[in-house]
Protein backbone atom coordinates (compact mmCIF):
# COMPACT_ATOMS: atom_id res chain seq x y z
CA UNK A 1 -32.37 93.37 124.82
CA UNK A 2 -34.34 90.99 122.69
CA UNK A 3 -32.25 88.89 120.34
CA UNK A 4 -32.94 89.41 116.70
CA UNK A 5 -33.66 86.07 115.14
CA UNK A 6 -31.24 85.00 112.44
CA UNK A 7 -32.60 85.03 108.93
CA UNK A 8 -34.22 81.71 108.19
CA UNK A 9 -32.88 79.68 105.32
CA UNK A 10 -35.52 78.48 102.96
CA UNK A 11 -36.08 74.85 103.81
CA UNK A 12 -36.18 72.45 100.94
CA UNK A 13 -39.38 70.54 100.61
CA UNK A 14 -39.21 66.83 101.32
CA UNK A 15 -37.82 65.06 98.30
CA UNK A 16 -36.61 68.29 96.75
CA UNK A 17 -33.05 67.00 96.57
CA UNK A 18 -34.25 63.94 94.71
CA UNK A 19 -36.44 66.02 92.45
CA UNK A 20 -33.60 68.38 91.69
CA UNK A 21 -31.35 65.52 90.58
CA UNK A 22 -31.67 65.13 86.84
CA UNK A 23 -33.01 61.84 85.54
CA UNK A 24 -30.55 61.86 82.66
CA UNK A 25 -27.71 60.05 84.46
CA UNK A 26 -30.01 57.08 85.15
CA UNK A 27 -31.15 56.98 81.55
CA UNK A 28 -27.52 57.15 80.53
CA UNK A 29 -26.74 54.15 82.73
CA UNK A 30 -29.59 52.19 81.18
CA UNK A 31 -28.44 53.16 77.70
CA UNK A 32 -24.92 52.14 78.62
CA UNK A 33 -26.17 48.72 79.67
CA UNK A 34 -28.09 48.39 76.41
CA UNK A 35 -24.99 49.27 74.42
CA UNK A 36 -22.90 46.79 76.36
CA UNK A 37 -25.42 44.02 75.73
CA UNK A 38 -25.44 44.98 72.05
CA UNK A 39 -21.66 44.54 71.92
CA UNK A 40 -21.88 41.07 73.49
CA UNK A 41 -24.69 40.06 71.14
CA UNK A 42 -22.68 41.29 68.17
CA UNK A 43 -19.69 39.25 69.27
CA UNK A 44 -21.93 36.17 69.48
CA UNK A 45 -23.38 36.83 66.03
CA UNK A 46 -19.89 37.08 64.61
CA UNK A 47 -19.12 33.59 65.80
CA UNK A 48 -17.79 34.47 69.26
CA UNK A 49 -14.56 35.98 67.94
CA UNK A 50 -14.00 39.27 66.07
CA UNK A 51 -11.75 42.28 65.74
CA UNK A 52 -12.59 45.73 67.05
CA UNK A 53 -13.43 47.15 63.62
CA UNK A 54 -15.83 44.34 62.81
CA UNK A 55 -17.55 44.67 66.18
CA UNK A 56 -17.90 48.43 65.84
CA UNK A 57 -19.39 48.02 62.37
CA UNK A 58 -21.77 45.34 63.64
CA UNK A 59 -23.21 47.53 66.41
CA UNK A 60 -22.94 50.78 64.45
CA UNK A 61 -20.78 52.57 67.02
CA UNK A 62 -17.39 54.29 66.93
CA UNK A 63 -14.51 51.86 67.58
CA UNK A 64 -13.27 53.97 70.51
CA UNK A 65 -16.64 53.65 72.22
CA UNK A 66 -16.82 49.91 71.62
CA UNK A 67 -13.27 49.53 72.92
CA UNK A 68 -14.27 51.08 76.27
CA UNK A 69 -17.00 48.47 76.69
CA UNK A 70 -14.67 45.66 75.68
CA UNK A 71 -12.09 46.80 78.22
CA UNK A 72 -14.72 46.55 80.96
CA UNK A 73 -15.82 43.14 79.77
CA UNK A 74 -12.22 41.93 79.76
CA UNK A 75 -11.87 43.00 83.40
CA UNK A 76 -14.98 40.96 84.25
CA UNK A 77 -13.82 37.94 82.19
CA UNK A 78 -16.88 38.17 79.96
CA UNK A 79 -14.54 38.80 77.03
CA UNK A 80 -10.88 37.93 76.39
CA UNK A 81 -8.44 39.30 73.83
CA UNK A 82 -6.04 37.21 71.81
CA UNK A 83 -2.59 38.83 72.23
CA UNK A 84 -1.52 37.66 68.78
CA UNK A 85 -4.44 38.58 66.54
CA UNK A 86 -5.86 41.23 68.91
CA UNK A 87 -9.29 39.74 68.28
CA UNK A 88 -11.83 39.58 71.08
CA UNK A 89 -13.63 36.38 72.01
CA UNK A 90 -16.19 35.33 74.60
CA UNK A 91 -14.59 34.65 77.96
CA UNK A 92 -15.15 32.09 80.72
CA UNK A 93 -17.87 34.09 82.48
CA UNK A 94 -19.85 34.35 79.23
CA UNK A 95 -19.42 30.61 78.73
CA UNK A 96 -20.69 29.96 82.26
CA UNK A 97 -23.78 32.08 81.57
CA UNK A 98 -24.41 30.20 78.34
CA UNK A 99 -24.00 26.78 79.94
CA UNK A 100 -26.39 27.71 82.73
CA UNK A 101 -28.96 28.89 80.19
CA UNK A 102 -28.58 25.67 78.19
CA UNK A 103 -29.26 23.62 81.32
CA UNK A 104 -32.58 25.42 81.64
CA UNK A 105 -33.49 24.79 77.99
CA UNK A 106 -35.85 21.90 78.65
CA UNK A 107 -38.18 21.22 75.68
CA UNK A 108 -40.94 19.92 77.93
CA UNK A 109 -40.94 22.98 80.16
CA UNK A 110 -40.64 25.35 77.21
CA UNK A 111 -43.31 23.53 75.20
CA UNK A 112 -46.01 23.51 77.90
CA UNK A 113 -47.15 27.15 77.41
CA UNK A 114 -47.24 26.58 73.65
CA UNK A 115 -49.62 23.64 74.14
CA UNK A 116 -51.98 25.78 76.21
CA UNK A 117 -51.96 28.54 73.61
CA UNK A 118 -52.63 26.11 70.77
CA UNK A 119 -55.50 24.54 72.67
CA UNK A 120 -57.09 27.90 73.38
CA UNK A 121 -56.47 29.43 69.97
CA UNK A 122 -57.37 26.44 67.80
CA UNK A 123 -59.75 24.57 70.14
CA UNK A 124 -57.98 21.36 69.20
CA UNK A 125 -56.23 18.67 71.20
CA UNK A 126 -52.51 19.36 71.43
CA UNK A 127 -49.61 17.37 72.81
CA UNK A 128 -45.83 17.28 73.06
CA UNK A 129 -43.77 14.17 72.36
CA UNK A 130 -40.10 13.28 72.78
CA UNK A 131 -38.15 10.31 71.46
CA UNK A 132 -38.16 7.56 74.08
CA UNK A 133 -36.48 4.17 74.10
CA UNK A 134 -39.57 2.62 72.47
CA UNK A 135 -40.30 5.46 70.04
CA UNK A 136 -42.03 8.87 70.03
CA UNK A 137 -43.65 9.20 73.44
CA UNK A 138 -46.28 11.75 74.56
CA UNK A 139 -45.13 13.65 77.65
CA UNK A 140 -47.68 16.50 77.81
CA UNK A 141 -51.30 16.52 76.66
CA UNK A 142 -53.90 19.31 76.47
CA UNK A 143 -57.57 18.96 75.52
CA UNK A 144 -60.07 21.67 74.54
CA UNK A 145 -63.46 22.12 76.21
CA UNK A 146 -65.05 19.76 73.67
CA UNK A 147 -62.36 17.15 73.04
CA UNK A 148 -62.45 14.42 70.43
CA UNK A 149 -62.24 10.85 71.63
CA UNK A 150 -58.77 9.47 70.93
CA UNK A 151 -56.91 6.57 72.50
CA UNK A 152 -53.67 8.46 73.10
CA UNK A 153 -52.61 9.97 76.39
CA UNK A 154 -49.44 10.87 78.29
CA UNK A 155 -47.14 7.88 77.99
CA UNK A 156 -48.55 6.70 74.66
CA UNK A 157 -45.91 5.62 72.14
CA UNK A 158 -46.70 6.86 68.63
CA UNK A 159 -46.06 5.10 65.35
CA UNK A 160 -43.01 6.27 63.43
CA UNK A 161 -44.70 5.67 60.08
CA UNK A 162 -48.41 6.31 60.56
CA UNK A 163 -48.57 9.19 63.04
CA UNK A 164 -47.73 12.81 62.19
CA UNK A 165 -45.60 12.96 65.34
CA UNK A 166 -43.54 9.92 64.38
CA UNK A 167 -43.10 11.11 60.80
CA UNK A 168 -41.50 14.37 61.96
CA UNK A 169 -38.94 12.42 63.98
CA UNK A 170 -38.42 9.99 61.10
CA UNK A 171 -38.01 12.70 58.50
CA UNK A 172 -35.80 15.12 60.40
CA UNK A 173 -33.58 12.91 62.53
CA UNK A 174 -30.69 10.76 61.29
CA UNK A 175 -30.73 7.86 63.71
CA UNK A 176 -29.78 4.35 62.59
CA UNK A 177 -31.73 2.65 65.38
CA UNK A 178 -34.83 4.72 64.60
CA UNK A 179 -34.60 3.88 60.88
CA UNK A 180 -34.29 0.19 61.71
CA UNK A 181 -37.39 0.48 63.91
CA UNK A 182 -39.26 2.17 61.04
CA UNK A 183 -38.29 -0.62 58.61
CA UNK A 184 -39.52 -3.22 61.07
CA UNK A 185 -42.78 -1.33 61.50
CA UNK A 186 -43.20 -1.10 57.73
CA UNK A 187 -42.72 -4.85 57.40
CA UNK A 188 -45.47 -5.47 59.99
CA UNK A 189 -47.92 -3.00 58.41
CA UNK A 190 -50.91 -4.02 56.34
CA UNK A 191 -50.74 -4.02 52.57
CA UNK A 192 -53.39 -1.29 52.53
CA UNK A 193 -51.20 1.02 54.61
CA UNK A 194 -48.04 0.22 52.69
CA UNK A 195 -49.87 1.11 49.48
CA UNK A 196 -50.14 4.73 50.67
CA UNK A 197 -46.34 5.06 50.51
CA UNK A 198 -43.99 5.18 47.56
CA UNK A 199 -43.63 1.68 46.16
CA UNK A 200 -39.94 1.92 45.24
CA UNK A 201 -38.57 3.88 48.19
CA UNK A 202 -41.23 4.16 50.93
CA UNK A 203 -39.06 5.49 53.72
CA UNK A 204 -36.83 7.66 51.56
CA UNK A 205 -39.73 9.35 49.77
CA UNK A 206 -41.56 9.91 53.05
CA UNK A 207 -38.50 11.48 54.64
CA UNK A 208 -37.96 13.77 51.66
CA UNK A 209 -41.57 14.92 51.87
CA UNK A 210 -41.27 15.74 55.59
CA UNK A 211 -38.02 17.61 55.03
CA UNK A 212 -39.60 19.65 52.25
CA UNK A 213 -42.48 20.82 54.46
CA UNK A 214 -40.57 20.79 57.79
CA UNK A 215 -43.72 19.30 59.30
CA UNK A 216 -46.07 16.34 58.85
CA UNK A 217 -49.78 16.02 58.13
CA UNK A 218 -51.90 12.88 58.64
CA UNK A 219 -55.53 12.38 57.60
CA UNK A 220 -57.42 9.26 58.74
CA UNK A 221 -54.24 7.19 58.80
CA UNK A 222 -53.20 6.61 62.41
CA UNK A 223 -56.74 6.96 63.81
CA UNK A 224 -59.87 6.75 61.61
CA UNK A 225 -61.70 10.05 61.45
CA UNK A 226 -58.77 11.95 63.00
CA UNK A 227 -56.38 14.36 61.32
CA UNK A 228 -53.15 15.67 62.85
CA UNK A 229 -50.45 18.21 62.11
CA UNK A 230 -46.99 18.05 63.73
CA UNK A 231 -44.00 20.40 63.80
CA UNK A 232 -40.47 19.94 65.20
CA UNK A 233 -38.69 21.66 68.07
CA UNK A 234 -34.98 22.08 67.40
CA UNK A 235 -32.28 22.38 70.07
CA UNK A 236 -29.11 24.47 70.02
CA UNK A 237 -27.36 21.85 67.88
CA UNK A 238 -30.13 21.83 65.27
CA UNK A 239 -31.41 18.40 66.27
CA UNK A 240 -35.11 17.60 66.70
CA UNK A 241 -35.60 17.24 70.45
CA UNK A 242 -39.41 17.24 70.61
CA UNK A 243 -42.50 17.48 68.41
CA UNK A 244 -45.64 19.59 68.84
CA UNK A 245 -48.85 18.08 67.50
CA UNK A 246 -52.46 19.24 67.16
CA UNK A 247 -55.26 16.86 66.22
CA UNK A 248 -58.99 16.90 65.73
CA UNK A 249 -61.85 15.37 63.82
CA UNK A 250 -61.16 15.17 60.10
CA UNK A 251 -63.08 17.85 58.28
CA UNK A 252 -63.36 20.09 61.33
CA UNK A 253 -60.16 21.99 60.47
CA UNK A 254 -57.76 22.56 57.59
CA UNK A 255 -55.09 19.89 58.06
CA UNK A 256 -52.79 21.04 55.27
CA UNK A 257 -49.16 22.20 55.49
CA UNK A 258 -50.19 25.72 54.43
CA UNK A 259 -53.41 25.99 56.43
CA UNK A 260 -54.10 28.29 59.38
CA UNK A 261 -53.62 25.46 61.88
CA UNK A 262 -50.24 24.52 60.43
CA UNK A 263 -49.15 28.14 60.41
CA UNK A 264 -50.08 28.61 64.08
CA UNK A 265 -48.33 25.37 64.98
CA UNK A 266 -45.23 26.36 63.03
CA UNK A 267 -45.06 29.74 64.81
CA UNK A 268 -45.24 28.09 68.23
CA UNK A 269 -42.65 25.47 67.29
CA UNK A 270 -40.27 28.10 65.96
CA UNK A 271 -40.70 30.22 69.11
CA UNK A 272 -39.96 27.19 71.29
CA UNK A 273 -36.91 26.35 69.18
CA UNK A 274 -35.59 29.88 69.65
CA UNK A 275 -35.94 29.51 73.44
CA UNK A 276 -34.05 26.21 73.16
CA UNK A 277 -31.15 28.05 71.51
CA UNK A 278 -31.77 26.98 67.93
CA UNK A 279 -30.02 29.33 65.53
CA UNK A 280 -27.89 30.91 68.26
CA UNK A 281 -24.81 28.98 67.19
CA UNK A 282 -24.90 30.04 63.54
CA UNK A 283 -22.85 33.20 62.99
CA UNK A 284 -24.09 35.62 60.36
CA UNK A 285 -20.62 36.65 59.32
CA UNK A 286 -17.16 36.76 60.80
CA UNK A 287 -14.91 39.73 61.39
């Protein structure tokens, strides 16, 4: 007697099980990660130490929800809790992450893409300088398609007084050895150059001017027929660690502190400073 075949179960199409699984849990996991990062960022903004109520207010979440994230972070040593005050503070694993990031915060590496963008956007020569043992020293140099002829290259040491690059270092750094070098340079300078500075307080007035603008502008001073604009790069401690400069033929661009070139340079310098950690150590308020 022929066997009656058993009723066939409807076979699921390939991938049907995956398709049937709702995407919501994955989105929830991503949102959970975003919330956790927000809690850590809030703790950093509050100075690295805060109570639960202050943290919850900072991220705009219910304290119970924030507490669940903090409990997980405590288990992973990203956050610790003071048994006395009950405040939370960044733990050893968070410190390790921060230290590793700071080691990667190299102004030369971070400044290189900014130089390329400035060269392409402004069609001007751009370079990056750091303070060397002999003075401000060019370490990276970018030229446009039609460069101007200048006698500075990688390795060139710039004047503290008569270059825009040197004036940014002089105005925004407090360094006794650098100031002594600037005084010696002033004494060696021609009377014509010295006459362009304040007669009573040449270095002091120059430094105040640079600090007021947070950048320096030079027209036909360091090199005849050449103008330059320079802006500082600040590190995590707020110190000037490098200077971005653009230069070109005088009259070919607006070399003023409020001009389009200065604004573009300032934006790039500020972006580089952010990548170097500048501003990260200043808490907005404490809980």
